[in-house]
């Protein structure tokens, strides 16, 4: 068994916590049924749905952030990085283990929600439960990646996750009531109309998978496991195609919509990574020395700002009037141009 997962399960799932959580959920359910006139199961399903969303999305996100943040503040994270645990084992062990208690309590509430709501609520219960699970995994992975980057920069996570917490709570407060209604509307994507709940469910599942994979790649970077930045390029292409589907096809050709969206997505990711990546004067020094020691693939693999450069390379060839990133003018070395894109990132601190 994954040692990191086993350690977190031992810490989170103690016997008294499991028994107390089950007893509290059973007592609250009985209290709702006893104080309801006729529509007790409908009220129980609504309350259980909101409770599962709060426990999984909000509580689980806090536990996922604390899985890295507490260890970084307690100065135990560096010792864990020196162990023989691989990046996927570490990612899976912390994502699933640190949030195990939230999944236990939220899973019980989700079970009550599905049992009490079948035939009593107009919403499709199975798809709604899948949306809650997929959205929660997405929140966990995003917050976990943010905490991992904060720990890599030797910064605390309480302030860096404050904005994420706001978005998580806004999503929690606004999403549940809409999906419980009968008329869920439709979404137009690439000229076709899709049921809103089905489209959001599939989108949440796909982006949750991307978020988990992104957390794994961030863990590889933290543990200094050599990787190539192909994953970020593929994600930028996927995000460009996905977001371009919401635009009107009458406004231009498909290739033009994807190209314009790709430039915007790449620039947004470029400047986002500029504030999230580990940067500084030493980064610029390593960037100047390493290109002379290997091929282009090795430069992207060893470059401290490799992911930032990938975003720049993705957007610069598509931008009208701009040469490709790293292209040198006649008679000039390509090194100053390749460093000029990373100069603001390296000198930010």
C-alpha atoms as a PDB file:
ATOM      1  CA  UNK A   1       0.000   0.000   0.000  1.00  0.00           C
ATOM      2  CA  UNK A   2       1.113   3.544  -0.679  1.00  0.00           C
ATOM      3  CA  UNK A   3       2.981   4.571   2.504  1.00  0.00           C
ATOM      4  CA  UNK A   4       1.929   8.213   2.230  1.00  0.00           C
ATOM      5  CA  UNK A   5      -1.706   7.212   1.757  1.00  0.00           C
ATOM      6  CA  UNK A   6      -1.531   4.798   4.690  1.00  0.00           C
ATOM      7  CA  UNK A   7      -0.001   7.451   6.950  1.00  0.00           C
ATOM      8  CA  UNK A   8      -2.731   9.952   6.097  1.00  0.00           C
ATOM      9  CA  UNK A   9      -5.488   7.365   6.518  1.00  0.00           C
ATOM     10  CA  UNK A  10      -4.206   6.459   9.988  1.00  0.00           C
ATOM     11  CA  UNK A  11      -4.142  10.119  10.926  1.00  0.00           C
ATOM     12  CA  UNK A  12      -7.507  11.160   9.451  1.00  0.00           C
ATOM     13  CA  UNK A  13      -9.754   8.120   9.912  1.00  0.00           C
ATOM     14  CA  UNK A  14      -9.630   7.397  13.611  1.00  0.00           C
ATOM     15  CA  UNK A  15     -12.362   5.236  15.132  1.00  0.00           C
ATOM     16  CA  UNK A  16     -14.001   7.940  17.214  1.00  0.00           C
ATOM     17  CA  UNK A  17     -14.115  10.355  14.262  1.00  0.00           C
ATOM     18  CA  UNK A  18     -15.824   7.760  12.069  1.00  0.00           C
ATOM     19  CA  UNK A  19     -18.378   6.853  14.733  1.00  0.00           C
ATOM     20  CA  UNK A  20     -19.050  10.460  15.689  1.00  0.00           C
ATOM     21  CA  UNK A  21     -19.555  11.532  12.070  1.00  0.00           C
ATOM     22  CA  UNK A  22     -21.946   8.679  11.338  1.00  0.00           C
ATOM     23  CA  UNK A  23     -23.919   9.374  14.521  1.00  0.00           C
ATOM     24  CA  UNK A  24     -24.210  13.115  13.815  1.00  0.00           C
ATOM     25  CA  UNK A  25     -25.434  12.524  10.240  1.00  0.00           C
ATOM     26  CA  UNK A  26     -27.973   9.960  11.453  1.00  0.00           C
ATOM     27  CA  UNK A  27     -29.262  12.265  14.216  1.00  0.00           C
ATOM     28  CA  UNK A  28     -29.594  15.272  11.905  1.00  0.00           C
ATOM     29  CA  UNK A  29     -31.406  13.145   9.321  1.00  0.00           C
ATOM     30  CA  UNK A  30     -33.826  11.844  11.950  1.00  0.00           C
ATOM     31  CA  UNK A  31     -34.408  15.382  13.240  1.00  0.00           C
ATOM     32  CA  UNK A  32     -35.249  16.664   9.742  1.00  0.00           C
ATOM     33  CA  UNK A  33     -37.661  13.799   9.116  1.00  0.00           C
ATOM     34  CA  UNK A  34     -39.346  14.267  12.493  1.00  0.00           C
ATOM     35  CA  UNK A  35     -39.892  18.021  12.062  1.00  0.00           C
ATOM     36  CA  UNK A  36     -41.130  17.929   8.457  1.00  0.00           C
ATOM     37  CA  UNK A  37     -44.801  17.789   7.488  1.00  0.00           C
ATOM     38  CA  UNK A  38     -45.224  15.419   4.576  1.00  0.00           C
ATOM     39  CA  UNK A  39     -42.143  16.451   2.559  1.00  0.00           C
ATOM     40  CA  UNK A  40     -39.518  15.179   4.953  1.00  0.00           C
ATOM     41  CA  UNK A  41     -37.522  13.161   2.439  1.00  0.00           C
ATOM     42  CA  UNK A  42     -37.443  16.024  -0.035  1.00  0.00           C
ATOM     43  CA  UNK A  43     -36.128  18.398   2.638  1.00  0.00           C
ATOM     44  CA  UNK A  44     -33.643  15.747   3.787  1.00  0.00           C
ATOM     45  CA  UNK A  45     -32.340  15.305   0.231  1.00  0.00           C
ATOM     46  CA  UNK A  46     -31.861  19.058  -0.204  1.00  0.00           C
ATOM     47  CA  UNK A  47     -30.018  19.452   3.102  1.00  0.00           C
ATOM     48  CA  UNK A  48     -27.877  16.371   2.456  1.00  0.00           C
ATOM     49  CA  UNK A  49     -26.942  17.653  -0.999  1.00  0.00           C
ATOM     50  CA  UNK A  50     -25.775  21.002   0.350  1.00  0.00           C
ATOM     51  CA  UNK A  51     -23.946  19.267   3.214  1.00  0.00           C
ATOM     52  CA  UNK A  52     -22.093  16.941   0.841  1.00  0.00           C
ATOM     53  CA  UNK A  53     -21.097  19.898  -1.318  1.00  0.00           C
ATOM     54  CA  UNK A  54     -19.798  21.835   1.692  1.00  0.00           C
ATOM     55  CA  UNK A  55     -17.899  18.879   3.128  1.00  0.00           C
ATOM     56  CA  UNK A  56     -16.355  17.756  -0.153  1.00  0.00           C
ATOM     57  CA  UNK A  57     -15.706  21.036  -1.988  1.00  0.00           C
ATOM     58  CA  UNK A  58     -14.957  23.399   0.915  1.00  0.00           C
ATOM     59  CA  UNK A  59     -13.780  21.104   3.698  1.00  0.00           C
ATOM     60  CA  UNK A  60     -11.886  18.821   1.332  1.00  0.00           C
ATOM     61  CA  UNK A  61     -10.155  21.778  -0.310  1.00  0.00           C
ATOM     62  CA  UNK A  62      -8.944  22.996   3.072  1.00  0.00           C
ATOM     63  CA  UNK A  63      -7.619  19.538   3.941  1.00  0.00           C
ATOM     64  CA  UNK A  64      -5.888  19.238   0.558  1.00  0.00           C
ATOM     65  CA  UNK A  65      -4.181  22.594   1.083  1.00  0.00           C
ATOM     66  CA  UNK A  66      -3.182  21.732   4.646  1.00  0.00           C
ATOM     67  CA  UNK A  67      -1.670  18.438   3.453  1.00  0.00           C
ATOM     68  CA  UNK A  68       1.246  20.461   2.090  1.00  0.00           C
ATOM     69  CA  UNK A  69       0.879  23.737   3.983  1.00  0.00           C
ATOM     70  CA  UNK A  70       1.069  22.266   7.489  1.00  0.00           C
ATOM     71  CA  UNK A  71       4.138  20.222   6.641  1.00  0.00           C
ATOM     72  CA  UNK A  72       5.837  23.234   5.060  1.00  0.00           C
ATOM     73  CA  UNK A  73       5.116  25.359   8.139  1.00  0.00           C
ATOM     74  CA  UNK A  74       6.263  22.567  10.476  1.00  0.00           C
ATOM     75  CA  UNK A  75       9.509  22.116   8.508  1.00  0.00           C
ATOM     76  CA  UNK A  76       8.774  18.440   7.727  1.00  0.00           C
ATOM     77  CA  UNK A  77       8.151  18.793   3.997  1.00  0.00           C
ATOM     78  CA  UNK A  78      11.849  18.849   3.078  1.00  0.00           C
ATOM     79  CA  UNK A  79      12.382  15.557   4.920  1.00  0.00           C
ATOM     80  CA  UNK A  80       9.548  13.951   2.949  1.00  0.00           C
ATOM     81  CA  UNK A  81      11.063  15.097  -0.323  1.00  0.00           C
ATOM     82  CA  UNK A  82      14.206  13.095   0.499  1.00  0.00           C
ATOM     83  CA  UNK A  83      12.310   9.792   0.790  1.00  0.00           C
ATOM     84  CA  UNK A  84      12.099   7.192  -1.977  1.00  0.00           C
ATOM     85  CA  UNK A  85       8.392   7.820  -2.609  1.00  0.00           C
ATOM     86  CA  UNK A  86       7.759   8.648  -6.249  1.00  0.00           C
ATOM     87  CA  UNK A  87       5.864  11.739  -7.468  1.00  0.00           C
ATOM     88  CA  UNK A  88       2.644   9.881  -8.313  1.00  0.00           C
ATOM     89  CA  UNK A  89       2.635   8.017  -4.995  1.00  0.00           C
ATOM     90  CA  UNK A  90       3.206  11.286  -3.154  1.00  0.00           C
ATOM     91  CA  UNK A  91       0.494  13.104  -5.138  1.00  0.00           C
ATOM     92  CA  UNK A  92      -2.086  10.346  -4.800  1.00  0.00           C
ATOM     93  CA  UNK A  93      -1.244   9.733  -1.160  1.00  0.00           C
ATOM     94  CA  UNK A  94      -1.684  13.370  -0.195  1.00  0.00           C
ATOM     95  CA  UNK A  95      -4.705  14.110  -2.387  1.00  0.00           C
ATOM     96  CA  UNK A  96      -6.645  11.013  -1.344  1.00  0.00           C
ATOM     97  CA  UNK A  97      -5.222  10.628   2.152  1.00  0.00           C
ATOM     98  CA  UNK A  98      -5.377  14.210   3.412  1.00  0.00           C
ATOM     99  CA  UNK A  99      -9.003  14.508   2.241  1.00  0.00           C
ATOM    100  CA  UNK A 100     -10.083  11.056   3.430  1.00  0.00           C
ATOM    101  CA  UNK A 101     -12.217  12.349   6.283  1.00  0.00           C
ATOM    102  CA  UNK A 102     -13.974  14.828   3.995  1.00  0.00           C
ATOM    103  CA  UNK A 103     -14.708  12.028   1.545  1.00  0.00           C
ATOM    104  CA  UNK A 104     -16.074   9.868   4.368  1.00  0.00           C
ATOM    105  CA  UNK A 105     -18.446  12.509   5.721  1.00  0.00           C
ATOM    106  CA  UNK A 106     -19.326  13.892   2.304  1.00  0.00           C
ATOM    107  CA  UNK A 107     -19.847  10.396   0.941  1.00  0.00           C
ATOM    108  CA  UNK A 108     -22.347   9.587   3.686  1.00  0.00           C
ATOM    109  CA  UNK A 109     -24.229  12.824   2.985  1.00  0.00           C
ATOM    110  CA  UNK A 110     -24.130  12.091  -0.729  1.00  0.00           C
ATOM    111  CA  UNK A 111     -25.574   8.635  -0.095  1.00  0.00           C
ATOM    112  CA  UNK A 112     -28.411  10.134   1.974  1.00  0.00           C
ATOM    113  CA  UNK A 113     -28.959  12.711  -0.778  1.00  0.00           C
ATOM    114  CA  UNK A 114     -29.334  10.054  -3.473  1.00  0.00           C
ATOM    115  CA  UNK A 115     -31.504   7.700  -1.434  1.00  0.00           C
ATOM    116  CA  UNK A 116     -33.839  10.423  -0.138  1.00  0.00           C
ATOM    117  CA  UNK A 117     -34.015  12.333  -3.417  1.00  0.00           C
ATOM    118  CA  UNK A 118     -34.803   9.539  -5.883  1.00  0.00           C
ATOM    119  CA  UNK A 119     -38.346  10.073  -7.129  1.00  0.00           C
ATOM    120  CA  UNK A 120     -38.806  13.173  -4.953  1.00  0.00           C
ATOM    121  CA  UNK A 121     -36.530  15.754  -6.579  1.00  0.00           C
ATOM    122  CA  UNK A 122     -36.855  16.659 -10.264  1.00  0.00           C
ATOM    123  CA  UNK A 123     -33.086  16.666 -10.860  1.00  0.00           C
ATOM    124  CA  UNK A 124     -31.255  13.540 -12.134  1.00  0.00           C
ATOM    125  CA  UNK A 125     -29.654  12.348  -8.927  1.00  0.00           C
ATOM    126  CA  UNK A 126     -26.846  10.228 -10.357  1.00  0.00           C
ATOM    127  CA  UNK A 127     -25.548  12.948 -12.657  1.00  0.00           C
ATOM    128  CA  UNK A 128     -25.864  15.558  -9.922  1.00  0.00           C
ATOM    129  CA  UNK A 129     -23.862  13.363  -7.540  1.00  0.00           C
ATOM    130  CA  UNK A 130     -21.234  12.880 -10.250  1.00  0.00           C
ATOM    131  CA  UNK A 131     -21.006  16.650 -10.687  1.00  0.00           C
ATOM    132  CA  UNK A 132     -20.437  17.118  -6.954  1.00  0.00           C
ATOM    133  CA  UNK A 133     -17.683  14.485  -6.949  1.00  0.00           C
ATOM    134  CA  UNK A 134     -15.964  15.785 -10.106  1.00  0.00           C
ATOM    135  CA  UNK A 135     -16.151  19.414  -8.957  1.00  0.00           C
ATOM    136  CA  UNK A 136     -14.733  18.473  -5.567  1.00  0.00           C
ATOM    137  CA  UNK A 137     -11.805  16.609  -7.120  1.00  0.00           C
ATOM    138  CA  UNK A 138     -11.153  19.647  -9.320  1.00  0.00           C
ATOM    139  CA  UNK A 139     -11.115  21.958  -6.282  1.00  0.00           C
ATOM    140  CA  UNK A 140      -8.850  19.594  -4.326  1.00  0.00           C
ATOM    141  CA  UNK A 141      -6.297  19.299  -7.127  1.00  0.00           C
ATOM    142  CA  UNK A 142      -6.199  23.038  -7.866  1.00  0.00           C
ATOM    143  CA  UNK A 143      -5.757  24.000  -4.204  1.00  0.00           C
ATOM    144  CA  UNK A 144      -3.184  21.220  -3.743  1.00  0.00           C
ATOM    145  CA  UNK A 145      -1.149  22.490  -6.700  1.00  0.00           C
ATOM    146  CA  UNK A 146      -1.295  26.049  -5.369  1.00  0.00           C
ATOM    147  CA  UNK A 147      -0.083  24.900  -1.950  1.00  0.00           C
ATOM    148  CA  UNK A 148       2.697  22.907  -3.580  1.00  0.00           C
ATOM    149  CA  UNK A 149       3.917  25.942  -5.513  1.00  0.00           C
ATOM    150  CA  UNK A 150       3.709  28.091  -2.384  1.00  0.00           C
ATOM    151  CA  UNK A 151       5.769  25.555  -0.446  1.00  0.00           C
ATOM    152  CA  UNK A 152       8.294  25.483  -3.274  1.00  0.00           C
ATOM    153  CA  UNK A 153       8.689  29.259  -2.923  1.00  0.00           C
ATOM    154  CA  UNK A 154       8.970  28.928   0.880  1.00  0.00           C
ATOM    155  CA  UNK A 155       5.732  30.823   1.391  1.00  0.00           C
ATOM    156  CA  UNK A 156       2.765  30.046   3.602  1.00  0.00           C
ATOM    157  CA  UNK A 157      -0.521  28.841   2.155  1.00  0.00           C
ATOM    158  CA  UNK A 158      -3.047  30.653   4.341  1.00  0.00           C
ATOM    159  CA  UNK A 159      -2.828  33.911   2.418  1.00  0.00           C
ATOM    160  CA  UNK A 160      -2.216  32.374  -1.010  1.00  0.00           C
ATOM    161  CA  UNK A 161      -5.328  30.215  -0.788  1.00  0.00           C
ATOM    162  CA  UNK A 162      -7.640  33.004   0.385  1.00  0.00           C
ATOM    163  CA  UNK A 163      -8.736  33.898  -3.152  1.00  0.00           C
ATOM    164  CA  UNK A 164      -9.230  30.238  -4.044  1.00  0.00           C
ATOM    165  CA  UNK A 165     -11.414  29.831  -0.969  1.00  0.00           C
ATOM    166  CA  UNK A 166     -13.625  32.684  -2.125  1.00  0.00           C
ATOM    167  CA  UNK A 167     -14.165  31.063  -5.514  1.00  0.00           C
ATOM    168  CA  UNK A 168     -14.836  27.663  -3.941  1.00  0.00           C
ATOM    169  CA  UNK A 169     -17.492  29.082  -1.623  1.00  0.00           C
ATOM    170  CA  UNK A 170     -19.091  31.090  -4.439  1.00  0.00           C
ATOM    171  CA  UNK A 171     -19.278  27.962  -6.581  1.00  0.00           C
ATOM    172  CA  UNK A 172     -20.742  26.063  -3.636  1.00  0.00           C
ATOM    173  CA  UNK A 173     -23.422  28.666  -2.957  1.00  0.00           C
ATOM    174  CA  UNK A 174     -24.494  29.222  -6.569  1.00  0.00           C
ATOM    175  CA  UNK A 175     -24.405  25.798  -8.176  1.00  0.00           C
ATOM    176  CA  UNK A 176     -26.593  23.539  -6.054  1.00  0.00           C
ATOM    177  CA  UNK A 177     -29.881  25.407  -6.300  1.00  0.00           C
ATOM    178  CA  UNK A 178     -29.737  25.636 -10.075  1.00  0.00           C
ATOM    179  CA  UNK A 179     -29.310  21.918 -10.695  1.00  0.00           C
ATOM    180  CA  UNK A 180     -32.234  21.054  -8.384  1.00  0.00           C
ATOM    181  CA  UNK A 181     -34.652  22.858 -10.712  1.00  0.00           C
ATOM    182  CA  UNK A 182     -36.511  21.167 -13.547  1.00  0.00           C
ATOM    183  CA  UNK A 183     -35.490  23.562 -16.331  1.00  0.00           C
ATOM    184  CA  UNK A 184     -31.706  23.314 -16.548  1.00  0.00           C
ATOM    185  CA  UNK A 185     -31.371  25.092 -19.886  1.00  0.00           C
ATOM    186  CA  UNK A 186     -28.915  24.333 -22.654  1.00  0.00           C
ATOM    187  CA  UNK A 187     -25.407  25.400 -23.684  1.00  0.00           C
ATOM    188  CA  UNK A 188     -24.296  26.077 -27.255  1.00  0.00           C
ATOM    189  CA  UNK A 189     -20.818  24.682 -27.962  1.00  0.00           C
ATOM    190  CA  UNK A 190     -19.316  24.448 -31.454  1.00  0.00           C
ATOM    191  CA  UNK A 191     -22.707  25.080 -33.027  1.00  0.00           C
ATOM    192  CA  UNK A 192     -24.503  22.262 -31.164  1.00  0.00           C
ATOM    193  CA  UNK A 193     -26.902  22.538 -28.239  1.00  0.00           C
ATOM    194  CA  UNK A 194     -26.154  20.469 -25.133  1.00  0.00           C
ATOM    195  CA  UNK A 195     -28.091  19.921 -21.921  1.00  0.00           C
ATOM    196  CA  UNK A 196     -26.518  22.193 -19.334  1.00  0.00           C
ATOM    197  CA  UNK A 197     -26.077  19.572 -16.614  1.00  0.00           C
ATOM    198  CA  UNK A 198     -24.601  16.989 -18.990  1.00  0.00           C
ATOM    199  CA  UNK A 199     -22.167  19.492 -20.482  1.00  0.00           C
ATOM    200  CA  UNK A 200     -21.018  20.811 -17.105  1.00  0.00           C
ATOM    201  CA  UNK A 201     -20.635  17.260 -15.759  1.00  0.00           C
ATOM    202  CA  UNK A 202     -18.421  16.139 -18.643  1.00  0.00           C
ATOM    203  CA  UNK A 203     -16.429  19.391 -18.485  1.00  0.00           C
ATOM    204  CA  UNK A 204     -15.897  18.991 -14.735  1.00  0.00           C
ATOM    205  CA  UNK A 205     -14.700  15.413 -15.195  1.00  0.00           C
ATOM    206  CA  UNK A 206     -12.244  16.371 -17.940  1.00  0.00           C
ATOM    207  CA  UNK A 207     -10.862  19.379 -16.075  1.00  0.00           C
ATOM    208  CA  UNK A 208     -10.634  17.344 -12.862  1.00  0.00           C
ATOM    209  CA  UNK A 209      -8.461  14.823 -14.702  1.00  0.00           C
ATOM    210  CA  UNK A 210      -6.304  17.668 -16.023  1.00  0.00           C
ATOM    211  CA  UNK A 211      -6.030  19.164 -12.526  1.00  0.00           C
ATOM    212  CA  UNK A 212      -4.901  15.861 -11.009  1.00  0.00           C
ATOM    213  CA  UNK A 213      -2.361  15.438 -13.792  1.00  0.00           C
ATOM    214  CA  UNK A 214      -1.171  19.001 -13.232  1.00  0.00           C
ATOM    215  CA  UNK A 215      -0.720  18.272  -9.530  1.00  0.00           C
ATOM    216  CA  UNK A 216       1.365  15.235 -10.460  1.00  0.00           C
ATOM    217  CA  UNK A 217       3.573  17.270 -12.788  1.00  0.00           C
ATOM    218  CA  UNK A 218       4.012  19.942 -10.116  1.00  0.00           C
ATOM    219  CA  UNK A 219       5.062  17.218  -7.694  1.00  0.00           C
ATOM    220  CA  UNK A 220       7.593  15.997 -10.272  1.00  0.00           C
ATOM    221  CA  UNK A 221       9.035  19.506 -10.388  1.00  0.00           C
ATOM    222  CA  UNK A 222       9.125  19.713  -6.597  1.00  0.00           C
ATOM    223  CA  UNK A 223      10.883  16.337  -6.277  1.00  0.00           C
ATOM    224  CA  UNK A 224      13.286  17.277  -9.130  1.00  0.00           C
ATOM    225  CA  UNK A 225      12.124  14.442 -11.376  1.00  0.00           C
ATOM    226  CA  UNK A 226      13.143  15.252 -14.994  1.00  0.00           C
ATOM    227  CA  UNK A 227      10.160  15.936 -17.262  1.00  0.00           C
ATOM    228  CA  UNK A 228       9.524  17.599 -20.586  1.00  0.00           C
ATOM    229  CA  UNK A 229       6.940  20.399 -20.825  1.00  0.00           C
ATOM    230  CA  UNK A 230       4.702  18.656 -23.371  1.00  0.00           C
ATOM    231  CA  UNK A 231       1.815  18.401 -20.892  1.00  0.00           C
ATOM    232  CA  UNK A 232       1.416  22.164 -20.622  1.00  0.00           C
ATOM    233  CA  UNK A 233       1.450  22.545 -24.408  1.00  0.00           C
ATOM    234  CA  UNK A 234      -1.241  19.880 -24.798  1.00  0.00           C
ATOM    235  CA  UNK A 235      -3.364  21.510 -22.088  1.00  0.00           C
ATOM    236  CA  UNK A 236      -3.065  24.931 -23.715  1.00  0.00           C
ATOM    237  CA  UNK A 237      -4.193  23.451 -27.032  1.00  0.00           C
ATOM    238  CA  UNK A 238      -7.097  21.685 -25.320  1.00  0.00           C
ATOM    239  CA  UNK A 239      -8.144  24.826 -23.453  1.00  0.00           C
ATOM    240  CA  UNK A 240      -7.968  26.845 -26.677  1.00  0.00           C
ATOM    241  CA  UNK A 241     -10.255  24.428 -28.530  1.00  0.00           C
ATOM    242  CA  UNK A 242     -12.597  24.177 -25.549  1.00  0.00           C
ATOM    243  CA  UNK A 243     -13.008  27.925 -25.049  1.00  0.00           C
ATOM    244  CA  UNK A 244     -13.229  28.641 -28.778  1.00  0.00           C
ATOM    245  CA  UNK A 245     -16.321  26.442 -28.919  1.00  0.00           C
ATOM    246  CA  UNK A 246     -18.329  29.040 -27.014  1.00  0.00           C
ATOM    247  CA  UNK A 247     -17.727  31.724 -29.649  1.00  0.00           C
ATOM    248  CA  UNK A 248     -20.114  32.232 -32.525  1.00  0.00           C
ATOM    249  CA  UNK A 249     -18.997  30.413 -35.668  1.00  0.00           C
ATOM    250  CA  UNK A 250     -20.322  33.277 -37.791  1.00  0.00           C
ATOM    251  CA  UNK A 251     -17.646  35.585 -36.376  1.00  0.00           C
ATOM    252  CA  UNK A 252     -14.847  33.827 -38.268  1.00  0.00           C
ATOM    253  CA  UNK A 253     -13.356  30.547 -39.377  1.00  0.00           C
ATOM    254  CA  UNK A 254     -12.724  27.685 -36.979  1.00  0.00           C
ATOM    255  CA  UNK A 255      -8.949  27.964 -37.373  1.00  0.00           C
ATOM    256  CA  UNK A 256      -9.074  31.699 -36.706  1.00  0.00           C
ATOM    257  CA  UNK A 257     -11.183  31.268 -33.573  1.00  0.00           C
ATOM    258  CA  UNK A 258      -8.848  28.606 -32.209  1.00  0.00           C
ATOM    259  CA  UNK A 259      -5.776  30.708 -33.032  1.00  0.00           C
ATOM    260  CA  UNK A 260      -7.108  33.853 -31.360  1.00  0.00           C
ATOM    261  CA  UNK A 261      -8.281  31.895 -28.326  1.00  0.00           C
ATOM    262  CA  UNK A 262      -4.926  30.123 -28.174  1.00  0.00           C
ATOM    263  CA  UNK A 263      -3.068  33.421 -28.013  1.00  0.00           C
ATOM    264  CA  UNK A 264      -5.291  34.630 -25.175  1.00  0.00           C
ATOM    265  CA  UNK A 265      -5.030  31.380 -23.219  1.00  0.00           C
ATOM    266  CA  UNK A 266      -1.258  31.199 -23.668  1.00  0.00           C
ATOM    267  CA  UNK A 267      -0.754  34.798 -22.571  1.00  0.00           C
ATOM    268  CA  UNK A 268      -2.975  34.261 -19.520  1.00  0.00           C
ATOM    269  CA  UNK A 269      -1.025  31.135 -18.575  1.00  0.00           C
ATOM    270  CA  UNK A 270       2.249  32.932 -19.275  1.00  0.00           C
ATOM    271  CA  UNK A 271       1.562  35.781 -16.873  1.00  0.00           C
ATOM    272  CA  UNK A 272      -0.067  33.448 -14.364  1.00  0.00           C
ATOM    273  CA  UNK A 273       3.053  31.288 -14.196  1.00  0.00           C
ATOM    274  CA  UNK A 274       5.149  34.448 -13.979  1.00  0.00           C
ATOM    275  CA  UNK A 275       3.752  34.986 -10.461  1.00  0.00           C
ATOM    276  CA  UNK A 276       3.560  31.309  -9.459  1.00  0.00           C
ATOM    277  CA  UNK A 277       6.858  29.848 -10.599  1.00  0.00           C
ATOM    278  CA  UNK A 278       9.946  29.911  -8.409  1.00  0.00           C
ATOM    279  CA  UNK A 279      11.910  32.847  -9.781  1.00  0.00           C
ATOM    280  CA  UNK A 280      14.720  35.216  -8.866  1.00  0.00           C
ATOM    281  CA  UNK A 281      18.175  36.352  -9.879  1.00  0.00           C
ATOM    282  CA  UNK A 282      19.573  32.813  -9.496  1.00  0.00           C
ATOM    283  CA  UNK A 283      16.949  31.573 -11.953  1.00  0.00           C
ATOM    284  CA  UNK A 284      18.228  33.991 -14.580  1.00  0.00           C
ATOM    285  CA  UNK A 285      21.802  32.869 -13.928  1.00  0.00           C
ATOM    286  CA  UNK A 286      20.943  29.197 -14.380  1.00  0.00           C
ATOM    287  CA  UNK A 287      18.957  30.048 -17.484  1.00  0.00           C
ATOM    288  CA  UNK A 288      21.988  31.761 -19.024  1.00  0.00           C
ATOM    289  CA  UNK A 289      24.372  28.878 -18.280  1.00  0.00           C
ATOM    290  CA  UNK A 290      22.317  25.785 -19.065  1.00  0.00           C
ATOM    291  CA  UNK A 291      21.466  26.263 -22.775  1.00  0.00           C
ATOM    292  CA  UNK A 292      25.112  25.857 -23.734  1.00  0.00           C
ATOM    293  CA  UNK A 293      25.227  22.444 -22.023  1.00  0.00           C
ATOM    294  CA  UNK A 294      22.717  20.499 -24.134  1.00  0.00           C
ATOM    295  CA  UNK A 295      20.122  20.293 -26.867  1.00  0.00           C
ATOM    296  CA  UNK A 296      16.848  22.195 -27.037  1.00  0.00           C
ATOM    297  CA  UNK A 297      15.009  19.325 -25.317  1.00  0.00           C
ATOM    298  CA  UNK A 298      17.494  19.362 -22.440  1.00  0.00           C
ATOM    299  CA  UNK A 299      17.190  23.138 -22.148  1.00  0.00           C
ATOM    300  CA  UNK A 300      13.416  22.933 -21.767  1.00  0.00           C
ATOM    301  CA  UNK A 301      13.790  20.066 -19.311  1.00  0.00           C
ATOM    302  CA  UNK A 302      16.392  21.721 -17.115  1.00  0.00           C
ATOM    303  CA  UNK A 303      15.300  25.321 -17.437  1.00  0.00           C
ATOM    304  CA  UNK A 304      13.787  26.595 -14.155  1.00  0.00           C
ATOM    305  CA  UNK A 305      11.255  28.630 -16.131  1.00  0.00           C
ATOM    306  CA  UNK A 306      10.547  25.913 -18.702  1.00  0.00           C
ATOM    307  CA  UNK A 307       6.791  25.992 -18.272  1.00  0.00           C
ATOM    308  CA  UNK A 308       6.768  29.783 -18.583  1.00  0.00           C
ATOM    309  CA  UNK A 309       8.763  29.532 -21.801  1.00  0.00           C
ATOM    310  CA  UNK A 310       6.309  26.952 -23.181  1.00  0.00           C
ATOM    311  CA  UNK A 311       3.454  29.428 -22.794  1.00  0.00           C
ATOM    312  CA  UNK A 312       5.549  32.096 -24.518  1.00  0.00           C
ATOM    313  CA  UNK A 313       6.405  29.716 -27.363  1.00  0.00           C
ATOM    314  CA  UNK A 314       2.756  28.751 -27.785  1.00  0.00           C
ATOM    315  CA  UNK A 315       1.507  32.319 -28.117  1.00  0.00           C
ATOM    316  CA  UNK A 316       4.371  34.026 -29.954  1.00  0.00           C
ATOM    317  CA  UNK A 317       4.226  32.063 -33.260  1.00  0.00           C
ATOM    318  CA  UNK A 318       0.501  32.824 -33.532  1.00  0.00           C
ATOM    319  CA  UNK A 319       0.790  36.521 -32.757  1.00  0.00           C
ATOM    320  CA  UNK A 320       0.788  38.563 -35.963  1.00  0.00           C
ATOM    321  CA  UNK A 321       4.015  40.372 -36.682  1.00  0.00           C
ATOM    322  CA  UNK A 322       6.062  38.607 -33.992  1.00  0.00           C
ATOM    323  CA  UNK A 323       8.890  36.165 -34.759  1.00  0.00           C
ATOM    324  CA  UNK A 324       8.869  32.784 -33.028  1.00  0.00           C
ATOM    325  CA  UNK A 325      10.287  32.752 -29.503  1.00  0.00           C
ATOM    326  CA  UNK A 326      14.013  32.249 -29.473  1.00  0.00           C
ATOM    327  CA  UNK A 327      14.453  33.264 -33.148  1.00  0.00           C
ATOM    328  CA  UNK A 328      17.465  35.454 -33.646  1.00  0.00           C
ATOM    329  CA  UNK A 329      17.925  38.279 -36.077  1.00  0.00           C
ATOM    330  CA  UNK A 330      20.632  37.851 -38.750  1.00  0.00           C
ATOM    331  CA  UNK A 331      24.059  38.167 -37.241  1.00  0.00           C
ATOM    332  CA  UNK A 332      22.841  37.916 -33.630  1.00  0.00           C
ATOM    333  CA  UNK A 333      22.985  35.112 -31.103  1.00  0.00           C
ATOM    334  CA  UNK A 334      19.628  33.512 -30.174  1.00  0.00           C
ATOM    335  CA  UNK A 335      20.490  33.546 -26.487  1.00  0.00           C
ATOM    336  CA  UNK A 336      19.546  37.186 -25.703  1.00  0.00           C
ATOM    337  CA  UNK A 337      16.113  36.711 -27.272  1.00  0.00           C
ATOM    338  CA  UNK A 338      15.438  33.498 -25.387  1.00  0.00           C
ATOM    339  CA  UNK A 339      16.449  35.156 -22.133  1.00  0.00           C
ATOM    340  CA  UNK A 340      14.530  38.356 -22.797  1.00  0.00           C
ATOM    341  CA  UNK A 341      11.212  36.557 -22.449  1.00  0.00           C
ATOM    342  CA  UNK A 342      12.220  35.136 -19.083  1.00  0.00           C
ATOM    343  CA  UNK A 343      13.863  38.325 -17.791  1.00  0.00           C
ATOM    344  CA  UNK A 344      10.700  39.774 -16.170  1.00  0.00           C
ATOM    345  CA  UNK A 345       9.998  36.384 -14.599  1.00  0.00           C
ATOM    346  CA  UNK A 346      13.532  35.973 -13.271  1.00  0.00           C
ATOM    347  CA  UNK A 347      13.874  39.510 -11.937  1.00  0.00           C
ATOM    348  CA  UNK A 348      10.404  39.730 -10.390  1.00  0.00           C
ATOM    349  CA  UNK A 349      11.680  39.454  -6.791  1.00  0.00           C
END
